[in-house]
C-alpha atoms as a PDB file:
ATOM      1  CA  MET A   1      88.060 110.280  88.746  1.00  0.00           C
ATOM      2  CA  ALA A   2      88.213 114.069  89.000  1.00  0.00           C
ATOM      3  CA  ILE A   3      88.038 113.898  92.803  1.00  0.00           C
ATOM      4  CA  TYR A   4      90.709 111.185  92.888  1.00  0.00           C
ATOM      5  CA  ARG A   5      93.018 113.288  90.721  1.00  0.00           C
ATOM      6  CA  ALA A   6      92.305 116.557  92.538  1.00  0.00           C
ATOM      7  CA  THR A   7      93.082 115.013  95.940  1.00  0.00           C
ATOM      8  CA  ASP A   8      95.868 112.650  94.808  1.00  0.00           C
ATOM      9  CA  GLY A   9      93.669 109.730  95.800  1.00  0.00           C
ATOM     10  CA  ARG A  10      93.172 110.848  99.408  1.00  0.00           C
ATOM     11  CA  VAL A  11      89.462 111.080  98.580  1.00  0.00           C
ATOM     12  CA  ALA A  12      87.934 108.329  96.412  1.00  0.00           C
ATOM     13  CA  GLY A  13      91.157 106.311  96.620  1.00  0.00           C
ATOM     14  CA  HIS A  14      89.445 103.222  98.035  1.00  0.00           C
ATOM     15  CA  GLU A  15      86.418 101.092  97.250  1.00  0.00           C
ATOM     16  CA  LEU A  16      85.055  99.017 100.112  1.00  0.00           C
ATOM     17  CA  GLY A  17      88.378  99.463 101.894  1.00  0.00           C
ATOM     18  CA  LEU A  18      90.435  98.283  98.905  1.00  0.00           C
ATOM     19  CA  PRO A  19      92.947 100.559  97.148  1.00  0.00           C
ATOM     20  CA  LEU A  20      92.066 102.060  93.783  1.00  0.00           C
ATOM     21  CA  CYS A  21      94.311 103.101  90.941  1.00  0.00           C
ATOM     22  CA  LEU A  22      93.501 105.002  87.781  1.00  0.00           C
ATOM     23  CA  LEU A  23      94.469 102.939  84.736  1.00  0.00           C
ATOM     24  CA  THR A  24      94.861 104.855  81.477  1.00  0.00           C
ATOM     25  CA  THR A  25      94.870 102.800  78.300  1.00  0.00           C
ATOM     26  CA  THR A  26      94.808 103.764  74.637  1.00  0.00           C
ATOM     27  CA  GLY A  27      91.517 102.983  72.926  1.00  0.00           C
ATOM     28  CA  ARG A  28      92.086 100.140  70.487  1.00  0.00           C
ATOM     29  CA  LYS A  29      89.754 101.703  67.889  1.00  0.00           C
ATOM     30  CA  SER A  30      89.746 105.411  68.746  1.00  0.00           C
ATOM     31  CA  GLY A  31      93.370 105.855  69.779  1.00  0.00           C
ATOM     32  CA  LEU A  32      92.117 108.118  72.591  1.00  0.00           C
ATOM     33  CA  SER A  33      93.202 107.878  76.208  1.00  0.00           C
ATOM     34  CA  ARG A  34      90.695 106.004  78.369  1.00  0.00           C
ATOM     35  CA  THR A  35      90.925 106.080  82.160  1.00  0.00           C
ATOM     36  CA  THR A  36      89.260 103.557  84.459  1.00  0.00           C
ATOM     37  CA  PRO A  37      89.349 103.359  88.268  1.00  0.00           C
ATOM     38  CA  LEU A  38      90.266  99.816  89.346  1.00  0.00           C
ATOM     39  CA  ILE A  39      90.985  97.896  92.511  1.00  0.00           C
ATOM     40  CA  PHE A  40      94.554  96.613  92.388  1.00  0.00           C
ATOM     41  CA  MET A  41      96.911  94.424  94.364  1.00  0.00           C
ATOM     42  CA  ALA A  42     100.573  95.355  94.737  1.00  0.00           C
ATOM     43  CA  ASP A  43     103.110  92.610  94.039  1.00  0.00           C
ATOM     44  CA  GLY A  44     106.508  94.157  94.662  1.00  0.00           C
ATOM     45  CA  ALA A  45     107.085  96.769  91.948  1.00  0.00           C
ATOM     46  CA  ARG A  46     104.292  95.212  89.903  1.00  0.00           C
ATOM     47  CA  LEU A  47     100.571  95.877  90.061  1.00  0.00           C
ATOM     48  CA  VAL A  48      98.046  93.120  89.565  1.00  0.00           C
ATOM     49  CA  LEU A  49      94.626  93.864  88.067  1.00  0.00           C
ATOM     50  CA  VAL A  50      91.649  91.565  87.612  1.00  0.00           C
ATOM     51  CA  ALA A  51      89.472  91.893  84.499  1.00  0.00           C
ATOM     52  CA  SER A  52      86.367  90.645  86.295  1.00  0.00           C
ATOM     53  CA  GLN A  53      83.709  92.948  84.816  1.00  0.00           C
ATOM     54  CA  GLY A  54      81.604  91.921  87.810  1.00  0.00           C
ATOM     55  CA  GLY A  55      81.340  88.351  86.509  1.00  0.00           C
ATOM     56  CA  LEU A  56      79.680  89.366  83.240  1.00  0.00           C
ATOM     57  CA  PRO A  57      80.271  87.133  80.197  1.00  0.00           C
ATOM     58  CA  ARG A  58      82.458  89.651  78.330  1.00  0.00           C
ATOM     59  CA  HIS A  59      85.847  91.143  79.119  1.00  0.00           C
ATOM     60  CA  PRO A  60      85.909  94.810  80.165  1.00  0.00           C
ATOM     61  CA  MET A  61      86.850  97.420  77.563  1.00  0.00           C
ATOM     62  CA  TRP A  62      89.979  98.460  79.471  1.00  0.00           C
ATOM     63  CA  PHE A  63      91.250  94.880  79.158  1.00  0.00           C
ATOM     64  CA  LEU A  64      90.612  94.770  75.403  1.00  0.00           C
ATOM     65  CA  ASN A  65      92.388  98.120  75.056  1.00  0.00           C
ATOM     66  CA  LEU A  66      95.516  97.047  76.930  1.00  0.00           C
ATOM     67  CA  ARG A  67      95.723  93.809  74.985  1.00  0.00           C
ATOM     68  CA  ALA A  68      95.846  95.916  71.815  1.00  0.00           C
ATOM     69  CA  ASN A  69      98.308  98.419  73.317  1.00  0.00           C
ATOM     70  CA  PRO A  70     100.013  97.167  76.484  1.00  0.00           C
ATOM     71  CA  ASP A  71     101.742 100.461  77.300  1.00  0.00           C
ATOM     72  CA  VAL A  72      99.609 101.987  80.050  1.00  0.00           C
ATOM     73  CA  ARG A  73      99.753 104.748  82.644  1.00  0.00           C
ATOM     74  CA  VAL A  74      98.797 104.043  86.248  1.00  0.00           C
ATOM     75  CA  GLN A  75      98.112 106.618  88.942  1.00  0.00           C
ATOM     76  CA  ILE A  76      98.180 105.540  92.582  1.00  0.00           C
ATOM     77  CA  ARG A  77      97.464 108.439  94.867  1.00  0.00           C
ATOM     78  CA  GLY A  78      99.745 111.272  93.680  1.00  0.00           C
ATOM     79  CA  GLN A  79     102.187 109.098  91.746  1.00  0.00           C
ATOM     80  CA  THR A  80     101.765 108.315  88.047  1.00  0.00           C
ATOM     81  CA  ARG A  81     103.878 105.625  86.397  1.00  0.00           C
ATOM     82  CA  ASN A  82     104.273 104.370  82.862  1.00  0.00           C
ATOM     83  CA  MET A  83     103.888 100.613  82.876  1.00  0.00           C
ATOM     84  CA  HIS A  84     103.726  97.671  80.515  1.00  0.00           C
ATOM     85  CA  ALA A  85     100.716  95.392  80.962  1.00  0.00           C
ATOM     86  CA  ARG A  86     100.513  91.731  80.111  1.00  0.00           C
ATOM     87  CA  VAL A  87      98.080  88.927  80.772  1.00  0.00           C
ATOM     88  CA  ALA A  88      99.329  86.440  83.355  1.00  0.00           C
ATOM     89  CA  ASP A  89      99.917  82.989  81.931  1.00  0.00           C
ATOM     90  CA  GLU A  90      98.131  79.983  83.459  1.00  0.00           C
ATOM     91  CA  THR A  91     100.914  79.257  85.949  1.00  0.00           C
ATOM     92  CA  GLU A  92     101.134  82.865  87.135  1.00  0.00           C
ATOM     93  CA  ARG A  93      97.370  83.141  87.391  1.00  0.00           C
ATOM     94  CA  ALA A  94      97.167  79.931  89.432  1.00  0.00           C
ATOM     95  CA  ARG A  95      99.847  81.267  91.790  1.00  0.00           C
ATOM     96  CA  LEU A  96      98.266  84.730  92.129  1.00  0.00           C
ATOM     97  CA  TRP A  97      94.569  83.786  92.242  1.00  0.00           C
ATOM     98  CA  PRO A  98      94.460  82.662  95.923  1.00  0.00           C
ATOM     99  CA  ARG A  99      96.191  85.897  96.973  1.00  0.00           C
ATOM    100  CA  LEU A 100      93.811  87.926  94.830  1.00  0.00           C
ATOM    101  CA  ILE A 101      90.768  86.213  96.376  1.00  0.00           C
ATOM    102  CA  ALA A 102      92.157  86.871  99.859  1.00  0.00           C
ATOM    103  CA  HIS A 103      92.653  90.527  98.862  1.00  0.00           C
ATOM    104  CA  ASN A 104      89.155  90.880  97.349  1.00  0.00           C
ATOM    105  CA  PRO A 105      86.765  87.929  97.862  1.00  0.00           C
ATOM    106  CA  ARG A 106      84.314  89.406  95.336  1.00  0.00           C
ATOM    107  CA  TRP A 107      86.624  88.313  92.523  1.00  0.00           C
ATOM    108  CA  GLY A 108      86.075  84.686  93.519  1.00  0.00           C
ATOM    109  CA  ARG A 109      82.314  85.167  93.439  1.00  0.00           C
ATOM    110  CA  TYR A 110      82.536  86.851  90.052  1.00  0.00           C
ATOM    111  CA  GLN A 111      84.524  83.892  88.677  1.00  0.00           C
ATOM    112  CA  SER A 112      81.768  81.537  89.843  1.00  0.00           C
ATOM    113  CA  TRP A 113      79.179  83.588  87.937  1.00  0.00           C
ATOM    114  CA  THR A 114      80.817  83.310  84.507  1.00  0.00           C
ATOM    115  CA  ASP A 115      82.072  80.638  82.133  1.00  0.00           C
ATOM    116  CA  ARG A 116      85.026  82.742  80.992  1.00  0.00           C
ATOM    117  CA  VAL A 117      88.309  82.563  82.841  1.00  0.00           C
ATOM    118  CA  ILE A 118      88.695  86.005  84.389  1.00  0.00           C
ATOM    119  CA  PRO A 119      92.041  87.365  83.203  1.00  0.00           C
ATOM    120  CA  VAL A 120      94.698  88.534  85.619  1.00  0.00           C
ATOM    121  CA  VAL A 121      96.806  91.425  84.324  1.00  0.00           C
ATOM    122  CA  ILE A 122     100.320  92.175  85.513  1.00  0.00           C
ATOM    123  CA  CYS A 123     101.581  95.729  85.097  1.00  0.00           C
ATOM    124  CA  GLU A 124     105.344  96.061  85.263  1.00  0.00           C
ATOM    125  CA  PRO A 125     107.429  99.252  85.306  1.00  0.00           C
ATOM    126  CA  ALA A 126     108.188 100.401  81.771  1.00  0.00           C
END
């Protein structure tokens, strides 16, 4: 994350050719800022995140944190924005999922490895 921040995402701004953002949430127990690098998909002014946790049976901590406090900060390259995160409802997820799989096929594999429905998170400008 330090390299991403120091270079405004020019270095370490991609993973396997996919764009990365830095998502900062507030810890649901600690109240401390927690930053996680994540692959994202742009959807107009919104950002779409996938709480895949690599197909593991539990949701990632960043997802639990933003459910408790949906006001987040997102850095993409040199731009940082305050955003409001929410979990996509079933209809939105069904509409977005094919686009997400086309964007990053690993998410489809991860879904096949777990019994939980992998949440899709929509971040909208605050």
